[in-house]
């Protein structure tokens, strides 16, 4: 598996597409202790640790997302997928986008 990854990197370099990934120095103990941050690994490369913002607490919605709240009964019963702006997305998402102007 390492040979395949190494060969892929060699091909990317030959094409002028070097793998550029952002890196940071961080205190992992502080991040692990923080309720606002979350650590996980990517299934594509378990050697890479991904730092994410933790999910919102139950019942809390950030101010910038309140306009996208789905009211009870709004878009109810929408199932399946539809094409919206050239992308295949859930029908409920299309309904919300239409009602909330996105």
PDB file of N, CA and C in Angstrom:
ATOM      1  N   UNK A   1       0.824  -1.191   0.000  1.00  0.00           N
ATOM      2  CA  UNK A   1       0.000   0.000   0.000  1.00  0.00           C
ATOM      3  C   UNK A   1       0.868   1.253   0.000  1.00  0.00           C
ATOM      4  N   UNK A   2       1.966   1.227   0.752  1.00  0.00           N
ATOM      5  CA  UNK A   2       2.859   2.382   0.776  1.00  0.00           C
ATOM      6  C   UNK A   2       3.458   2.642  -0.599  1.00  0.00           C
ATOM      7  N   UNK A   3       3.765   1.545  -1.336  1.00  0.00           N
ATOM      8  CA  UNK A   3       4.323   1.704  -2.671  1.00  0.00           C
ATOM      9  C   UNK A   3       3.336   2.412  -3.593  1.00  0.00           C
ATOM     10  N   UNK A   4       2.054   2.083  -3.461  1.00  0.00           N
ATOM     11  CA  UNK A   4       1.035   2.724  -4.282  1.00  0.00           C
ATOM     12  C   UNK A   4       0.960   4.216  -3.968  1.00  0.00           C
ATOM     13  N   UNK A   5       0.970   4.565  -2.677  1.00  0.00           N
ATOM     14  CA  UNK A   5       0.946   5.968  -2.274  1.00  0.00           C
ATOM     15  C   UNK A   5       2.173   6.715  -2.762  1.00  0.00           C
ATOM     16  N   UNK A   6       3.327   6.074  -2.638  1.00  0.00           N
ATOM     17  CA  UNK A   6       4.570   6.696  -3.081  1.00  0.00           C
ATOM     18  C   UNK A   6       4.545   6.892  -4.593  1.00  0.00           C
ATOM     19  N   UNK A   7       4.053   5.893  -5.322  1.00  0.00           N
ATOM     20  CA  UNK A   7       3.977   5.991  -6.786  1.00  0.00           C
ATOM     21  C   UNK A   7       3.012   7.109  -7.199  1.00  0.00           C
ATOM     22  N   UNK A   8       1.891   7.240  -6.473  1.00  0.00           N
ATOM     23  CA  UNK A   8       0.932   8.305  -6.763  1.00  0.00           C
ATOM     24  C   UNK A   8       1.587   9.665  -6.574  1.00  0.00           C
ATOM     25  N   UNK A   9       2.350   9.833  -5.492  1.00  0.00           N
ATOM     26  CA  UNK A   9       3.042  11.098  -5.243  1.00  0.00           C
ATOM     27  C   UNK A   9       4.061  11.390  -6.342  1.00  0.00           C
ATOM     28  N   UNK A  10       4.775  10.350  -6.797  1.00  0.00           N
ATOM     29  CA  UNK A  10       5.753  10.539  -7.864  1.00  0.00           C
ATOM     30  C   UNK A  10       5.073  11.004  -9.146  1.00  0.00           C
ATOM     31  N   UNK A  11       3.906  10.403  -9.453  1.00  0.00           N
ATOM     32  CA  UNK A  11       3.167  10.795 -10.653  1.00  0.00           C
ATOM     33  C   UNK A  11       2.651  12.222 -10.537  1.00  0.00           C
ATOM     34  N   UNK A  12       2.182  12.599  -9.347  1.00  0.00           N
ATOM     35  CA  UNK A  12       1.698  13.963  -9.136  1.00  0.00           C
ATOM     36  C   UNK A  12       2.830  14.966  -9.298  1.00  0.00           C
ATOM     37  N   UNK A  13       4.005  14.647  -8.766  1.00  0.00           N
ATOM     38  CA  UNK A  13       5.148  15.547  -8.898  1.00  0.00           C
ATOM     39  C   UNK A  13       5.550  15.686 -10.361  1.00  0.00           C
ATOM     40  N   UNK A  14       5.493  14.560 -11.090  1.00  0.00           N
ATOM     41  CA  UNK A  14       5.847  14.598 -12.509  1.00  0.00           C
ATOM     42  C   UNK A  14       4.883  15.482 -13.285  1.00  0.00           C
ATOM     43  N   UNK A  15       3.628  15.520 -12.859  1.00  0.00           N
ATOM     44  CA  UNK A  15       2.622  16.347 -13.522  1.00  0.00           C
ATOM     45  C   UNK A  15       2.616  17.769 -12.962  1.00  0.00           C
ATOM     46  N   UNK A  16       3.444  18.021 -11.953  1.00  0.00           N
ATOM     47  CA  UNK A  16       3.499  19.351 -11.359  1.00  0.00           C
ATOM     48  C   UNK A  16       2.430  19.570 -10.307  1.00  0.00           C
ATOM     49  N   UNK A  17       1.818  18.500  -9.829  1.00  0.00           N
ATOM     50  CA  UNK A  17       0.762  18.604  -8.811  1.00  0.00           C
ATOM     51  C   UNK A  17       1.271  17.981  -7.515  1.00  0.00           C
ATOM     52  N   UNK A  18       2.043  18.707  -6.803  1.00  0.00           N
ATOM     53  CA  UNK A  18       2.529  18.187  -5.529  1.00  0.00           C
ATOM     54  C   UNK A  18       1.416  18.235  -4.501  1.00  0.00           C
ATOM     55  N   UNK A  19       1.426  17.263  -3.610  1.00  0.00           N
ATOM     56  CA  UNK A  19       0.414  17.177  -2.559  1.00  0.00           C
ATOM     57  C   UNK A  19       0.692  18.273  -1.537  1.00  0.00           C
ATOM     58  N   UNK A  20      -0.194  19.267  -1.473  1.00  0.00           N
ATOM     59  CA  UNK A  20      -0.011  20.372  -0.547  1.00  0.00           C
ATOM     60  C   UNK A  20      -1.105  20.294   0.504  1.00  0.00           C
ATOM     61  N   UNK A  21      -0.723  19.932   1.701  1.00  0.00           N
ATOM     62  CA  UNK A  21      -1.687  19.815   2.784  1.00  0.00           C
ATOM     63  C   UNK A  21      -1.278  20.770   3.889  1.00  0.00           C
ATOM     64  N   UNK A  22      -2.256  21.470   4.426  1.00  0.00           N
ATOM     65  CA  UNK A  22      -1.981  22.416   5.498  1.00  0.00           C
ATOM     66  C   UNK A  22      -1.550  21.659   6.744  1.00  0.00           C
ATOM     67  N   UNK A  23      -0.601  22.179   7.441  1.00  0.00           N
ATOM     68  CA  UNK A  23      -0.152  21.565   8.677  1.00  0.00           C
ATOM     69  C   UNK A  23      -0.086  22.607   9.772  1.00  0.00           C
ATOM     70  N   UNK A  24      -0.343  22.163  10.987  1.00  0.00           N
ATOM     71  CA  UNK A  24      -0.265  23.073  12.127  1.00  0.00           C
ATOM     72  C   UNK A  24       0.441  22.376  13.275  1.00  0.00           C
ATOM     73  N   UNK A  25       0.977  23.162  14.161  1.00  0.00           N
ATOM     74  CA  UNK A  25       1.506  22.650  15.410  1.00  0.00           C
ATOM     75  C   UNK A  25       0.470  22.967  16.475  1.00  0.00           C
ATOM     76  N   UNK A  26       0.054  21.952  17.224  1.00  0.00           N
ATOM     77  CA  UNK A  26      -0.988  22.171  18.226  1.00  0.00           C
ATOM     78  C   UNK A  26      -0.753  21.278  19.426  1.00  0.00           C
ATOM     79  N   UNK A  27      -1.265  21.714  20.551  1.00  0.00           N
ATOM     80  CA  UNK A  27      -1.197  20.924  21.768  1.00  0.00           C
ATOM     81  C   UNK A  27      -2.398  19.981  21.767  1.00  0.00           C
ATOM     82  N   UNK A  28      -2.163  18.706  21.459  1.00  0.00           N
ATOM     83  CA  UNK A  28      -3.264  17.748  21.336  1.00  0.00           C
ATOM     84  C   UNK A  28      -4.013  17.559  22.646  1.00  0.00           C
ATOM     85  N   UNK A  29      -3.328  17.676  23.762  1.00  0.00           N
ATOM     86  CA  UNK A  29      -4.003  17.525  25.062  1.00  0.00           C
ATOM     87  C   UNK A  29      -5.057  18.614  25.250  1.00  0.00           C
ATOM     88  N   UNK A  30      -4.735  19.849  24.845  1.00  0.00           N
ATOM     89  CA  UNK A  30      -5.696  20.950  24.962  1.00  0.00           C
ATOM     90  C   UNK A  30      -6.879  20.739  24.020  1.00  0.00           C
ATOM     91  N   UNK A  31      -6.592  20.277  22.820  1.00  0.00           N
ATOM     92  CA  UNK A  31      -7.670  20.048  21.865  1.00  0.00           C
ATOM     93  C   UNK A  31      -8.581  18.922  22.346  1.00  0.00           C
ATOM     94  N   UNK A  32      -8.000  17.853  22.862  1.00  0.00           N
ATOM     95  CA  UNK A  32      -8.797  16.729  23.350  1.00  0.00           C
ATOM     96  C   UNK A  32      -9.644  17.124  24.557  1.00  0.00           C
ATOM     97  N   UNK A  33      -9.156  18.055  25.360  1.00  0.00           N
ATOM     98  CA  UNK A  33      -9.893  18.487  26.547  1.00  0.00           C
ATOM     99  C   UNK A  33     -10.983  19.502  26.222  1.00  0.00           C
ATOM    100  N   UNK A  34     -10.917  20.103  25.058  1.00  0.00           N
ATOM    101  CA  UNK A  34     -11.868  21.141  24.683  1.00  0.00           C
ATOM    102  C   UNK A  34     -13.191  20.538  24.207  1.00  0.00           C
ATOM    103  N   UNK A  35     -14.297  21.116  24.673  1.00  0.00           N
ATOM    104  CA  UNK A  35     -15.616  20.668  24.213  1.00  0.00           C
ATOM    105  C   UNK A  35     -15.959  21.259  22.848  1.00  0.00           C
ATOM    106  N   UNK A  36     -15.242  22.294  22.441  1.00  0.00           N
ATOM    107  CA  UNK A  36     -15.523  22.940  21.165  1.00  0.00           C
ATOM    108  C   UNK A  36     -14.801  22.286  19.988  1.00  0.00           C
ATOM    109  N   UNK A  37     -13.842  21.419  20.274  1.00  0.00           N
ATOM    110  CA  UNK A  37     -13.057  20.800  19.210  1.00  0.00           C
ATOM    111  C   UNK A  37     -13.214  19.288  19.248  1.00  0.00           C
ATOM    112  N   UNK A  38     -12.954  18.667  18.119  1.00  0.00           N
ATOM    113  CA  UNK A  38     -13.074  17.222  17.994  1.00  0.00           C
ATOM    114  C   UNK A  38     -11.917  16.708  17.146  1.00  0.00           C
ATOM    115  N   UNK A  39     -11.359  15.594  17.528  1.00  0.00           N
ATOM    116  CA  UNK A  39     -10.276  14.966  16.764  1.00  0.00           C
ATOM    117  C   UNK A  39     -10.800  13.687  16.125  1.00  0.00           C
ATOM    118  N   UNK A  40     -10.438  13.445  14.885  1.00  0.00           N
ATOM    119  CA  UNK A  40     -10.802  12.193  14.237  1.00  0.00           C
ATOM    120  C   UNK A  40      -9.745  11.877  13.194  1.00  0.00           C
ATOM    121  N   UNK A  41      -9.858  10.717  12.626  1.00  0.00           N
ATOM    122  CA  UNK A  41      -8.933  10.316  11.563  1.00  0.00           C
ATOM    123  C   UNK A  41      -9.723  10.128  10.276  1.00  0.00           C
ATOM    124  N   UNK A  42      -9.097  10.396   9.164  1.00  0.00           N
ATOM    125  CA  UNK A  42      -9.764  10.208   7.894  1.00  0.00           C
ATOM    126  C   UNK A  42      -9.640   8.746   7.470  1.00  0.00           C
ATOM    127  N   UNK A  43     -10.698   8.159   6.936  1.00  0.00           N
ATOM    128  CA  UNK A  43     -10.624   6.757   6.524  1.00  0.00           C
ATOM    129  C   UNK A  43      -9.677   6.553   5.345  1.00  0.00           C
ATOM    130  N   UNK A  44      -9.386   7.623   4.606  1.00  0.00           N
ATOM    131  CA  UNK A  44      -8.519   7.508   3.444  1.00  0.00           C
ATOM    132  C   UNK A  44      -7.049   7.464   3.822  1.00  0.00           C
ATOM    133  N   UNK A  45      -6.704   8.080   4.954  1.00  0.00           N
ATOM    134  CA  UNK A  45      -5.327   8.065   5.423  1.00  0.00           C
ATOM    135  C   UNK A  45      -5.345   8.144   6.943  1.00  0.00           C
ATOM    136  N   UNK A  46      -5.345   6.968   7.618  1.00  0.00           N
ATOM    137  CA  UNK A  46      -5.443   6.962   9.079  1.00  0.00           C
ATOM    138  C   UNK A  46      -4.268   7.630   9.796  1.00  0.00           C
ATOM    139  N   UNK A  47      -3.194   7.940   9.070  1.00  0.00           N
ATOM    140  CA  UNK A  47      -2.052   8.602   9.699  1.00  0.00           C
ATOM    141  C   UNK A  47      -2.305  10.094   9.912  1.00  0.00           C
ATOM    142  N   UNK A  48      -3.325  10.635   9.263  1.00  0.00           N
ATOM    143  CA  UNK A  48      -3.623  12.056   9.366  1.00  0.00           C
ATOM    144  C   UNK A  48      -4.710  12.283  10.404  1.00  0.00           C
ATOM    145  N   UNK A  49      -4.457  13.176  11.335  1.00  0.00           N
ATOM    146  CA  UNK A  49      -5.448  13.544  12.350  1.00  0.00           C
ATOM    147  C   UNK A  49      -6.173  14.789  11.864  1.00  0.00           C
ATOM    148  N   UNK A  50      -7.501  14.739  11.919  1.00  0.00           N
ATOM    149  CA  UNK A  50      -8.327  15.856  11.466  1.00  0.00           C
ATOM    150  C   UNK A  50      -8.905  16.558  12.691  1.00  0.00           C
ATOM    151  N   UNK A  51      -8.734  17.864  12.762  1.00  0.00           N
ATOM    152  CA  UNK A  51      -9.289  18.654  13.863  1.00  0.00           C
ATOM    153  C   UNK A  51     -10.549  19.333  13.335  1.00  0.00           C
ATOM    154  N   UNK A  52     -11.659  19.105  14.011  1.00  0.00           N
ATOM    155  CA  UNK A  52     -12.932  19.689  13.578  1.00  0.00           C
ATOM    156  C   UNK A  52     -13.551  20.469  14.713  1.00  0.00           C
ATOM    157  N   UNK A  53     -14.434  21.359  14.335  1.00  0.00           N
ATOM    158  CA  UNK A  53     -15.243  22.041  15.331  1.00  0.00           C
ATOM    159  C   UNK A  53     -16.312  21.054  15.780  1.00  0.00           C
ATOM    160  N   UNK A  54     -16.539  20.956  17.065  1.00  0.00           N
ATOM    161  CA  UNK A  54     -17.508  19.999  17.581  1.00  0.00           C
ATOM    162  C   UNK A  54     -18.926  20.374  17.148  1.00  0.00           C
ATOM    163  N   UNK A  55     -19.804  19.397  17.164  1.00  0.00           N
ATOM    164  CA  UNK A  55     -21.202  19.622  16.802  1.00  0.00           C
ATOM    165  C   UNK A  55     -21.865  20.561  17.798  1.00  0.00           C
ATOM    166  N   UNK A  56     -22.983  21.141  17.381  1.00  0.00           N
ATOM    167  CA  UNK A  56     -23.723  22.027  18.264  1.00  0.00           C
ATOM    168  C   UNK A  56     -24.424  21.195  19.330  1.00  0.00           C
ATOM    169  N   UNK A  57     -24.620  21.794  20.489  1.00  0.00           N
ATOM    170  CA  UNK A  57     -25.353  21.108  21.551  1.00  0.00           C
ATOM    171  C   UNK A  57     -26.810  20.950  21.142  1.00  0.00           C
ATOM    172  N   UNK A  58     -27.454  19.926  21.642  1.00  0.00           N
ATOM    173  CA  UNK A  58     -28.836  19.646  21.291  1.00  0.00           C
ATOM    174  C   UNK A  58     -29.718  20.848  21.616  1.00  0.00           C
ATOM    175  N   UNK A  59     -30.505  21.265  20.643  1.00  0.00           N
ATOM    176  CA  UNK A  59     -31.418  22.381  20.830  1.00  0.00           C
ATOM    177  C   UNK A  59     -30.820  23.746  20.558  1.00  0.00           C
ATOM    178  N   UNK A  60     -29.503  23.827  20.381  1.00  0.00           N
ATOM    179  CA  UNK A  60     -28.855  25.108  20.116  1.00  0.00           C
ATOM    180  C   UNK A  60     -28.587  25.270  18.621  1.00  0.00           C
ATOM    181  N   UNK A  61     -28.847  26.451  18.125  1.00  0.00           N
ATOM    182  CA  UNK A  61     -28.589  26.754  16.719  1.00  0.00           C
ATOM    183  C   UNK A  61     -27.814  28.066  16.658  1.00  0.00           C
ATOM    184  N   UNK A  62     -26.662  28.091  15.976  1.00  0.00           N
ATOM    185  CA  UNK A  62     -25.910  29.336  15.852  1.00  0.00           C
ATOM    186  C   UNK A  62     -26.732  30.396  15.121  1.00  0.00           C
ATOM    187  N   UNK A  63     -26.501  31.642  15.453  1.00  0.00           N
ATOM    188  CA  UNK A  63     -27.274  32.756  14.901  1.00  0.00           C
ATOM    189  C   UNK A  63     -27.240  32.787  13.369  1.00  0.00           C
ATOM    190  N   UNK A  64     -26.089  32.445  12.771  1.00  0.00           N
ATOM    191  CA  UNK A  64     -25.989  32.528  11.313  1.00  0.00           C
ATOM    192  C   UNK A  64     -26.750  31.415  10.602  1.00  0.00           C
ATOM    193  N   UNK A  65     -27.255  30.422  11.343  1.00  0.00           N
ATOM    194  CA  UNK A  65     -28.005  29.323  10.724  1.00  0.00           C
ATOM    195  C   UNK A  65     -29.502  29.352  11.034  1.00  0.00           C
ATOM    196  N   UNK A  66     -29.952  30.311  11.819  1.00  0.00           N
ATOM    197  CA  UNK A  66     -31.369  30.343  12.211  1.00  0.00           C
ATOM    198  C   UNK A  66     -32.295  30.534  11.011  1.00  0.00           C
ATOM    199  N   UNK A  67     -31.841  31.189   9.987  1.00  0.00           N
ATOM    200  CA  UNK A  67     -32.658  31.378   8.789  1.00  0.00           C
ATOM    201  C   UNK A  67     -32.927  30.103   8.020  1.00  0.00           C
ATOM    202  N   UNK A  68     -32.184  29.054   8.343  1.00  0.00           N
ATOM    203  CA  UNK A  68     -32.335  27.789   7.632  1.00  0.00           C
ATOM    204  C   UNK A  68     -33.052  26.725   8.457  1.00  0.00           C
ATOM    205  N   UNK A  69     -33.588  27.113   9.601  1.00  0.00           N
ATOM    206  CA  UNK A  69     -34.317  26.150  10.422  1.00  0.00           C
ATOM    207  C   UNK A  69     -35.545  25.647   9.680  1.00  0.00           C
ATOM    208  N   UNK A  70     -35.775  24.368   9.760  1.00  0.00           N
ATOM    209  CA  UNK A  70     -36.958  23.778   9.127  1.00  0.00           C
ATOM    210  C   UNK A  70     -38.060  23.754  10.174  1.00  0.00           C
ATOM    211  N   UNK A  71     -39.139  24.482   9.885  1.00  0.00           N
ATOM    212  CA  UNK A  71     -40.256  24.510  10.819  1.00  0.00           C
ATOM    213  C   UNK A  71     -41.003  23.185  10.771  1.00  0.00           C
ATOM    214  N   UNK A  72     -41.714  22.877  11.835  1.00  0.00           N
ATOM    215  CA  UNK A  72     -42.449  21.624  11.908  1.00  0.00           C
ATOM    216  C   UNK A  72     -43.456  21.545  10.754  1.00  0.00           C
ATOM    217  N   UNK A  73     -43.422  20.466  10.021  1.00  0.00           N
ATOM    218  CA  UNK A  73     -44.332  20.263   8.899  1.00  0.00           C
ATOM    219  C   UNK A  73     -43.841  20.838   7.574  1.00  0.00           C
ATOM    220  N   UNK A  74     -42.851  21.737   7.648  1.00  0.00           N
ATOM    221  CA  UNK A  74     -42.307  22.332   6.429  1.00  0.00           C
ATOM    222  C   UNK A  74     -41.503  21.263   5.677  1.00  0.00           C
ATOM    223  N   UNK A  75     -41.798  21.093   4.432  1.00  0.00           N
ATOM    224  CA  UNK A  75     -41.103  20.118   3.577  1.00  0.00           C
ATOM    225  C   UNK A  75     -41.309  18.680   4.047  1.00  0.00           C
ATOM    226  N   UNK A  76     -42.365  18.445   4.803  1.00  0.00           N
ATOM    227  CA  UNK A  76     -42.643  17.096   5.306  1.00  0.00           C
ATOM    228  C   UNK A  76     -42.995  16.166   4.151  1.00  0.00           C
ATOM    229  N   UNK A  77     -42.574  14.953   4.259  1.00  0.00           N
ATOM    230  CA  UNK A  77     -42.915  13.936   3.273  1.00  0.00           C
ATOM    231  C   UNK A  77     -42.090  13.972   2.003  1.00  0.00           C
ATOM    232  N   UNK A  78     -41.123  14.865   1.923  1.00  0.00           N
ATOM    233  CA  UNK A  78     -40.267  14.915   0.729  1.00  0.00           C
ATOM    234  C   UNK A  78     -39.237  13.798   0.826  1.00  0.00           C
ATOM    235  N   UNK A  79     -39.261  12.895  -0.112  1.00  0.00           N
ATOM    236  CA  UNK A  79     -38.303  11.787  -0.105  1.00  0.00           C
ATOM    237  C   UNK A  79     -37.606  11.711  -1.457  1.00  0.00           C
ATOM    238  N   UNK A  80     -36.555  10.961  -1.502  1.00  0.00           N
ATOM    239  CA  UNK A  80     -35.810  10.783  -2.741  1.00  0.00           C
ATOM    240  C   UNK A  80     -34.806  11.889  -2.963  1.00  0.00           C
ATOM    241  N   UNK A  81     -34.283  11.923  -4.175  1.00  0.00           N
ATOM    242  CA  UNK A  81     -33.282  12.931  -4.532  1.00  0.00           C
ATOM    243  C   UNK A  81     -33.723  13.670  -5.785  1.00  0.00           C
ATOM    244  N   UNK A  82     -33.284  14.897  -5.906  1.00  0.00           N
ATOM    245  CA  UNK A  82     -33.597  15.755  -7.053  1.00  0.00           C
ATOM    246  C   UNK A  82     -32.321  16.460  -7.501  1.00  0.00           C
ATOM    247  N   UNK A  83     -32.338  16.966  -8.706  1.00  0.00           N
ATOM    248  CA  UNK A  83     -31.207  17.754  -9.196  1.00  0.00           C
ATOM    249  C   UNK A  83     -31.495  19.216  -8.878  1.00  0.00           C
ATOM    250  N   UNK A  84     -30.581  19.842  -8.144  1.00  0.00           N
ATOM    251  CA  UNK A  84     -30.702  21.256  -7.775  1.00  0.00           C
ATOM    252  C   UNK A  84     -29.380  21.930  -8.086  1.00  0.00           C
ATOM    253  N   UNK A  85     -29.426  22.915  -8.959  1.00  0.00           N
ATOM    254  CA  UNK A  85     -28.216  23.636  -9.385  1.00  0.00           C
ATOM    255  C   UNK A  85     -27.143  22.681  -9.897  1.00  0.00           C
ATOM    256  N   UNK A  86     -27.585  21.677 -10.633  1.00  0.00           N
ATOM    257  CA  UNK A  86     -26.640  20.742 -11.248  1.00  0.00           C
ATOM    258  C   UNK A  86     -26.118  19.649 -10.346  1.00  0.00           C
ATOM    259  N   UNK A  87     -26.619  19.575  -9.126  1.00  0.00           N
ATOM    260  CA  UNK A  87     -26.144  18.545  -8.186  1.00  0.00           C
ATOM    261  C   UNK A  87     -27.313  17.692  -7.712  1.00  0.00           C
ATOM    262  N   UNK A  88     -27.065  16.432  -7.476  1.00  0.00           N
ATOM    263  CA  UNK A  88     -28.067  15.521  -6.954  1.00  0.00           C
ATOM    264  C   UNK A  88     -28.097  15.659  -5.430  1.00  0.00           C
ATOM    265  N   UNK A  89     -29.227  16.131  -4.893  1.00  0.00           N
ATOM    266  CA  UNK A  89     -29.341  16.375  -3.451  1.00  0.00           C
ATOM    267  C   UNK A  89     -30.676  15.828  -2.941  1.00  0.00           C
ATOM    268  N   UNK A  90     -30.804  15.614  -1.627  1.00  0.00           N
ATOM    269  CA  UNK A  90     -32.075  15.140  -1.070  1.00  0.00           C
ATOM    270  C   UNK A  90     -33.214  16.119  -1.365  1.00  0.00           C
ATOM    271  N   UNK A  91     -34.405  15.576  -1.600  1.00  0.00           N
ATOM    272  CA  UNK A  91     -35.574  16.397  -1.931  1.00  0.00           C
ATOM    273  C   UNK A  91     -35.898  17.387  -0.825  1.00  0.00           C
ATOM    274  N   UNK A  92     -35.687  17.007   0.426  1.00  0.00           N
ATOM    275  CA  UNK A  92     -35.938  17.925   1.542  1.00  0.00           C
ATOM    276  C   UNK A  92     -35.024  19.142   1.435  1.00  0.00           C
ATOM    277  N   UNK A  93     -33.774  18.940   1.058  1.00  0.00           N
ATOM    278  CA  UNK A  93     -32.824  20.040   0.924  1.00  0.00           C
ATOM    279  C   UNK A  93     -33.265  20.994  -0.191  1.00  0.00           C
ATOM    280  N   UNK A  94     -33.795  20.456  -1.279  1.00  0.00           N
ATOM    281  CA  UNK A  94     -34.276  21.297  -2.376  1.00  0.00           C
ATOM    282  C   UNK A  94     -35.454  22.139  -1.897  1.00  0.00           C
ATOM    283  N   UNK A  95     -36.359  21.529  -1.144  1.00  0.00           N
ATOM    284  CA  UNK A  95     -37.521  22.248  -0.606  1.00  0.00           C
ATOM    285  C   UNK A  95     -37.066  23.399   0.299  1.00  0.00           C
ATOM    286  N   UNK A  96     -36.140  23.129   1.192  1.00  0.00           N
ATOM    287  CA  UNK A  96     -35.642  24.159   2.107  1.00  0.00           C
ATOM    288  C   UNK A  96     -34.952  25.271   1.329  1.00  0.00           C
ATOM    289  N   UNK A  97     -34.163  24.897   0.325  1.00  0.00           N
ATOM    290  CA  UNK A  97     -33.468  25.898  -0.498  1.00  0.00           C
ATOM    291  C   UNK A  97     -34.464  26.807  -1.208  1.00  0.00           C
ATOM    292  N   UNK A  98     -35.544  26.226  -1.708  1.00  0.00           N
ATOM    293  CA  UNK A  98     -36.554  27.028  -2.408  1.00  0.00           C
ATOM    294  C   UNK A  98     -37.280  27.969  -1.440  1.00  0.00           C
ATOM    295  N   UNK A  99     -37.580  27.486  -0.249  1.00  0.00           N
ATOM    296  CA  UNK A  99     -38.335  28.297   0.725  1.00  0.00           C
ATOM    297  C   UNK A  99     -37.462  29.346   1.399  1.00  0.00           C
ATOM    298  N   UNK A 100     -36.169  29.089   1.510  1.00  0.00           N
ATOM    299  CA  UNK A 100     -35.288  29.996   2.231  1.00  0.00           C
ATOM    300  C   UNK A 100     -34.363  30.775   1.290  1.00  0.00           C
ATOM    301  N   UNK A 101     -34.610  30.680  -0.007  1.00  0.00           N
ATOM    302  CA  UNK A 101     -33.897  31.516  -0.972  1.00  0.00           C
ATOM    303  C   UNK A 101     -32.474  31.155  -1.265  1.00  0.00           C
ATOM    304  N   UNK A 102     -32.129  29.911  -1.280  1.00  0.00           N
ATOM    305  CA  UNK A 102     -30.765  29.519  -1.634  1.00  0.00           C
ATOM    306  C   UNK A 102     -30.780  28.710  -2.886  1.00  0.00           C
TER     307      UNK A 102
END
